[in-house]
Protein backbone atom coordinates (compact mmCIF):
# COMPACT_ATOMS: atom_id res chain seq x y z
CA GLN A 1 -16.20 -25.00 -19.64
CA VAL A 2 -12.99 -23.58 -18.18
CA GLN A 3 -12.61 -21.80 -14.89
CA LEU A 4 -9.59 -19.58 -14.34
CA VAL A 5 -8.60 -18.25 -10.93
CA GLU A 6 -5.83 -15.69 -10.55
CA SER A 7 -3.88 -15.05 -7.39
CA GLY A 8 -0.71 -13.34 -6.24
CA GLY A 9 -1.56 -9.68 -6.70
CA GLY A 10 -0.88 -7.07 -4.06
CA LEU A 11 0.64 -3.74 -3.13
CA VAL A 12 4.38 -3.41 -3.70
CA GLN A 13 6.94 -0.67 -4.15
CA ALA A 14 8.65 0.27 -7.38
CA GLY A 15 11.47 -2.15 -8.13
CA ASP A 16 9.83 -5.05 -6.28
CA SER A 17 8.71 -8.36 -7.76
CA LEU A 18 5.46 -10.30 -7.79
CA ARG A 19 4.45 -13.67 -9.17
CA LEU A 20 0.91 -14.09 -10.39
CA SER A 21 -0.66 -17.51 -10.73
CA CYS A 22 -3.58 -18.68 -12.83
CA ALA A 23 -5.11 -22.03 -11.96
CA ALA A 24 -7.29 -23.61 -14.64
CA SER A 25 -9.99 -26.16 -13.98
CA GLY A 26 -13.01 -27.64 -15.72
CA ARG A 27 -11.12 -29.20 -18.57
CA THR A 28 -7.55 -29.53 -19.64
CA VAL A 29 -6.16 -26.47 -21.32
CA SER A 30 -3.15 -28.30 -22.64
CA SER A 31 -4.05 -27.62 -26.26
CA TYR A 32 -4.70 -23.93 -25.94
CA MET A 33 -2.68 -20.78 -25.62
CA MET A 34 -2.90 -18.97 -22.29
CA GLY A 35 -2.37 -15.28 -21.81
CA TRP A 36 -2.12 -12.48 -19.29
CA PHE A 37 -3.81 -9.14 -19.86
CA ARG A 38 -4.13 -6.04 -17.70
CA GLN A 39 -6.44 -3.09 -17.38
CA ALA A 40 -5.49 0.13 -15.64
CA PRO A 41 -8.14 2.60 -14.43
CA GLY A 42 -9.60 4.54 -17.33
CA LYS A 43 -7.69 2.54 -19.91
CA GLU A 44 -8.42 -0.27 -22.35
CA ARG A 45 -7.47 -3.81 -21.46
CA GLU A 46 -4.10 -4.64 -22.99
CA PHE A 47 -2.12 -7.76 -23.79
CA VAL A 48 0.85 -8.52 -21.54
CA ALA A 49 2.14 -11.99 -22.39
CA SER A 50 1.07 -15.39 -23.71
CA ILE A 51 2.35 -18.94 -23.84
CA THR A 52 1.50 -22.08 -25.73
CA TRP A 53 1.03 -25.09 -23.52
CA THR A 54 2.61 -27.68 -25.76
CA GLY A 55 5.33 -25.81 -27.59
CA GLY A 56 6.40 -23.46 -24.84
CA TRP A 57 6.52 -20.47 -27.19
CA THR A 58 6.11 -17.15 -25.42
CA TYR A 59 5.11 -13.68 -26.58
CA TYR A 60 5.37 -10.35 -24.74
CA GLN A 61 4.17 -6.81 -24.96
CA ASP A 62 7.15 -4.54 -25.50
CA SER A 63 6.90 -2.99 -22.03
CA ALA A 64 7.01 -6.47 -20.46
CA LYS A 65 10.04 -7.76 -22.33
CA GLY A 66 13.03 -8.23 -20.07
CA ARG A 67 11.01 -7.71 -16.88
CA PHE A 68 8.16 -10.22 -17.03
CA THR A 69 8.35 -13.96 -17.61
CA ILE A 70 5.38 -16.16 -18.41
CA SER A 71 5.64 -19.87 -17.66
CA ARG A 72 3.43 -22.87 -17.14
CA ASP A 73 3.21 -26.05 -15.11
CA ASN A 74 1.16 -28.50 -17.13
CA ALA A 75 0.94 -30.98 -14.29
CA LYS A 76 -0.75 -28.34 -12.17
CA ASN A 77 -2.72 -26.79 -15.05
CA THR A 78 -1.32 -23.45 -13.94
CA VAL A 79 0.22 -20.46 -15.69
CA TYR A 80 2.47 -17.96 -13.96
CA LEU A 81 3.57 -14.41 -14.60
CA GLN A 82 6.78 -13.44 -12.84
CA MET A 83 7.03 -9.67 -12.74
CA ASN A 84 10.33 -8.04 -11.79
CA SER A 85 11.44 -4.42 -11.58
CA LEU A 86 7.84 -3.31 -11.22
CA LYS A 87 6.96 0.27 -12.09
CA PRO A 88 4.01 2.43 -11.02
CA GLU A 89 2.71 2.22 -14.59
CA ASP A 90 2.33 -1.55 -14.13
CA THR A 91 -0.52 -0.83 -11.71
CA ALA A 92 -3.63 -2.56 -13.07
CA VAL A 93 -5.99 -5.46 -12.66
CA TYR A 94 -4.30 -8.47 -14.23
CA TYR A 95 -6.42 -11.08 -15.96
CA CYS A 96 -5.64 -14.60 -17.06
CA ALA A 97 -7.28 -15.87 -20.24
CA SER A 98 -7.46 -19.03 -22.28
CA LYS A 99 -8.08 -19.41 -25.97
CA GLY A 100 -10.80 -21.76 -27.12
CA VAL A 101 -11.32 -23.78 -30.27
CA SER A 102 -12.14 -20.57 -32.15
CA GLY A 103 -8.59 -19.34 -31.59
CA THR A 104 -9.72 -16.34 -29.60
CA TYR A 105 -9.54 -15.69 -25.88
CA VAL A 106 -12.90 -16.86 -24.61
CA TYR A 107 -12.28 -17.81 -21.00
CA TRP A 108 -11.30 -15.17 -18.47
CA GLY A 109 -10.51 -15.08 -14.78
CA GLN A 110 -11.88 -12.56 -12.32
CA GLY A 111 -8.63 -10.61 -12.15
CA THR A 112 -6.12 -9.77 -9.44
CA GLN A 113 -5.11 -6.26 -8.47
CA VAL A 114 -1.48 -5.21 -8.73
CA THR A 115 -0.59 -1.84 -7.26
CA VAL A 116 2.94 -0.45 -7.51
CA SER A 117 3.75 2.58 -5.40
CA SER A 118 6.54 5.01 -6.27
């Protein structure tokens, strides 16, 4: 079993930056891809970014490219999402997720709220 705990959300102004953290525990997640998703009020949950633990490959949603950076610290079993130049449309609950042996995202955190005011 994997437990994921997000932190770092908050209320910021447009143009500000935030760094979200996702601490994993329960078992090592070193073999699995980790991702960040978000869900805005009244909208479907959407993919933001992902990273492989071993290879360091990263993938981004188009709206995140150039503004967000996903990274990981294997020693701390933690994944980060650095978000710069935040926009009001980035307002959402951000979730961390881990893929399992099935290759799908099966473990999810409780989410952290990010609110960007204009």
